[in-house]
Amino acid sequence: MADVSAIKEHMEIIGADGGHIGTVDHVDGNRIKLTKNDSGAGGKHHYLPLSLIEDVDGGKARASFKAELAPQFWETDAAN
């Protein structure tokens, strides 16, 4: 797992393939809350477990899976 303290607001989350997954709204406990206005978010906040982030470098955080698989890993809250 990466140094998750380096994950900052508005940072891009990319997949292992370099594809766009989302944009950080903020870190919420052991999850990253993604912005709801991002493409593919459907107007809802999604959460990504921090344990799925492999690297943080160059202003981007890289997940351990391909970007196209992101919806399989997203968590949501009923309050969205």
C-alpha atoms as a PDB file:
ATOM      1  CA  MET A   1       0.000   0.000   0.000  1.00  0.00           C
ATOM      2  CA  ALA A   2       1.144   3.534  -0.781  1.00  0.00           C
ATOM      3  CA  ASP A   3       1.780   6.465   1.537  1.00  0.00           C
ATOM      4  CA  VAL A   4      -1.876   7.461   1.778  1.00  0.00           C
ATOM      5  CA  SER A   5      -1.002  10.633   3.703  1.00  0.00           C
ATOM      6  CA  ALA A   6       0.164  11.983   0.316  1.00  0.00           C
ATOM      7  CA  ILE A   7      -3.373  11.761  -1.115  1.00  0.00           C
ATOM      8  CA  LYS A   8      -4.775  15.273  -1.391  1.00  0.00           C
ATOM      9  CA  GLU A   9      -8.024  16.983  -2.386  1.00  0.00           C
ATOM     10  CA  HIS A  10      -8.544  17.257  -6.164  1.00  0.00           C
ATOM     11  CA  MET A  11      -5.882  14.605  -6.880  1.00  0.00           C
ATOM     12  CA  GLU A  12      -6.650  12.293  -9.786  1.00  0.00           C
ATOM     13  CA  ILE A  13      -7.057   8.576  -9.103  1.00  0.00           C
ATOM     14  CA  ILE A  14      -5.918   6.432 -12.014  1.00  0.00           C
ATOM     15  CA  GLY A  15      -6.109   2.723 -12.654  1.00  0.00           C
ATOM     16  CA  ALA A  16      -3.193   0.331 -13.089  1.00  0.00           C
ATOM     17  CA  ASP A  17      -3.641   0.921 -16.831  1.00  0.00           C
ATOM     18  CA  GLY A  18      -3.374   4.710 -16.447  1.00  0.00           C
ATOM     19  CA  GLY A  19      -7.092   5.287 -17.088  1.00  0.00           C
ATOM     20  CA  HIS A  20      -9.062   7.843 -15.095  1.00  0.00           C
ATOM     21  CA  ILE A  21     -11.039   6.471 -12.122  1.00  0.00           C
ATOM     22  CA  GLY A  22     -12.027   9.635 -10.297  1.00  0.00           C
ATOM     23  CA  THR A  23     -11.018  12.789  -8.462  1.00  0.00           C
ATOM     24  CA  VAL A  24     -10.435  12.959  -4.714  1.00  0.00           C
ATOM     25  CA  ASP A  25     -12.995  14.948  -2.735  1.00  0.00           C
ATOM     26  CA  HIS A  26     -11.222  14.020   0.505  1.00  0.00           C
ATOM     27  CA  VAL A  27      -9.948  11.086   2.554  1.00  0.00           C
ATOM     28  CA  ASP A  28     -12.666   9.785   4.866  1.00  0.00           C
ATOM     29  CA  GLY A  29     -11.262   7.338   7.406  1.00  0.00           C
ATOM     30  CA  ASN A  30      -9.911   4.341   5.503  1.00  0.00           C
ATOM     31  CA  ARG A  31     -11.583   5.356   2.229  1.00  0.00           C
ATOM     32  CA  ILE A  32     -11.199   7.987  -0.448  1.00  0.00           C
ATOM     33  CA  LYS A  33     -14.365   9.946  -1.149  1.00  0.00           C
ATOM     34  CA  LEU A  34     -14.523  10.714  -4.874  1.00  0.00           C
ATOM     35  CA  THR A  35     -16.191  13.816  -6.281  1.00  0.00           C
ATOM     36  CA  LYS A  36     -19.753  13.303  -7.452  1.00  0.00           C
ATOM     37  CA  ASN A  37     -19.352  15.568 -10.486  1.00  0.00           C
ATOM     38  CA  ASP A  38     -16.712  13.382 -12.101  1.00  0.00           C
ATOM     39  CA  SER A  39     -17.543  11.573 -15.328  1.00  0.00           C
ATOM     40  CA  GLY A  40     -19.113   8.210 -14.625  1.00  0.00           C
ATOM     41  CA  ALA A  41     -20.049   9.091 -11.047  1.00  0.00           C
ATOM     42  CA  GLY A  42     -23.722   9.547 -11.852  1.00  0.00           C
ATOM     43  CA  GLY A  43     -24.018  12.539  -9.542  1.00  0.00           C
ATOM     44  CA  LYS A  44     -23.141  10.449  -6.467  1.00  0.00           C
ATOM     45  CA  HIS A  45     -20.116  10.269  -4.239  1.00  0.00           C
ATOM     46  CA  HIS A  46     -18.328   6.956  -4.415  1.00  0.00           C
ATOM     47  CA  TYR A  47     -15.741   5.677  -1.981  1.00  0.00           C
ATOM     48  CA  LEU A  48     -12.626   3.700  -2.745  1.00  0.00           C
ATOM     49  CA  PRO A  49     -10.812   1.752  -0.001  1.00  0.00           C
ATOM     50  CA  LEU A  50      -7.330   3.135   0.667  1.00  0.00           C
ATOM     51  CA  SER A  51      -5.999  -0.424   0.633  1.00  0.00           C
ATOM     52  CA  LEU A  52      -6.508  -0.465  -3.159  1.00  0.00           C
ATOM     53  CA  ILE A  53      -4.054   2.408  -3.758  1.00  0.00           C
ATOM     54  CA  GLU A  54      -0.633   1.119  -4.774  1.00  0.00           C
ATOM     55  CA  ASP A  55       1.279   4.319  -5.402  1.00  0.00           C
ATOM     56  CA  VAL A  56       1.047   8.091  -5.051  1.00  0.00           C
ATOM     57  CA  ASP A  57       3.380   9.961  -7.379  1.00  0.00           C
ATOM     58  CA  GLY A  58       3.375  12.963  -9.662  1.00  0.00           C
ATOM     59  CA  GLY A  59       0.123  14.356  -8.275  1.00  0.00           C
ATOM     60  CA  LYS A  60      -1.797  11.143  -9.000  1.00  0.00           C
ATOM     61  CA  ALA A  61      -2.755   8.100  -6.971  1.00  0.00           C
ATOM     62  CA  ARG A  62      -2.636   4.749  -8.782  1.00  0.00           C
ATOM     63  CA  ALA A  63      -5.047   1.954  -7.910  1.00  0.00           C
ATOM     64  CA  SER A  64      -4.231  -1.746  -8.129  1.00  0.00           C
ATOM     65  CA  PHE A  65      -6.880  -2.472 -10.784  1.00  0.00           C
ATOM     66  CA  LYS A  66      -7.759  -1.294 -14.295  1.00  0.00           C
ATOM     67  CA  ALA A  67      -9.877   1.852 -14.490  1.00  0.00           C
ATOM     68  CA  GLU A  68     -12.726   0.059 -16.289  1.00  0.00           C
ATOM     69  CA  LEU A  69     -13.202  -2.135 -13.207  1.00  0.00           C
ATOM     70  CA  ALA A  70     -13.634   0.806 -10.794  1.00  0.00           C
ATOM     71  CA  PRO A  71     -17.434   0.428 -10.347  1.00  0.00           C
ATOM     72  CA  GLN A  72     -16.814  -3.065  -8.951  1.00  0.00           C
ATOM     73  CA  PHE A  73     -14.719  -1.575  -6.144  1.00  0.00           C
ATOM     74  CA  TRP A  74     -16.775   1.546  -5.406  1.00  0.00           C
ATOM     75  CA  GLU A  75     -18.591   1.760  -2.120  1.00  0.00           C
ATOM     76  CA  THR A  76     -21.504   4.147  -1.584  1.00  0.00           C
ATOM     77  CA  ASP A  77     -23.283   5.591   1.421  1.00  0.00           C
ATOM     78  CA  ALA A  78     -27.068   5.860   1.621  1.00  0.00           C
ATOM     79  CA  ALA A  79     -26.679   9.560   2.501  1.00  0.00           C
ATOM     80  CA  ASN A  80     -25.393  10.361  -0.990  1.00  0.00           C
END
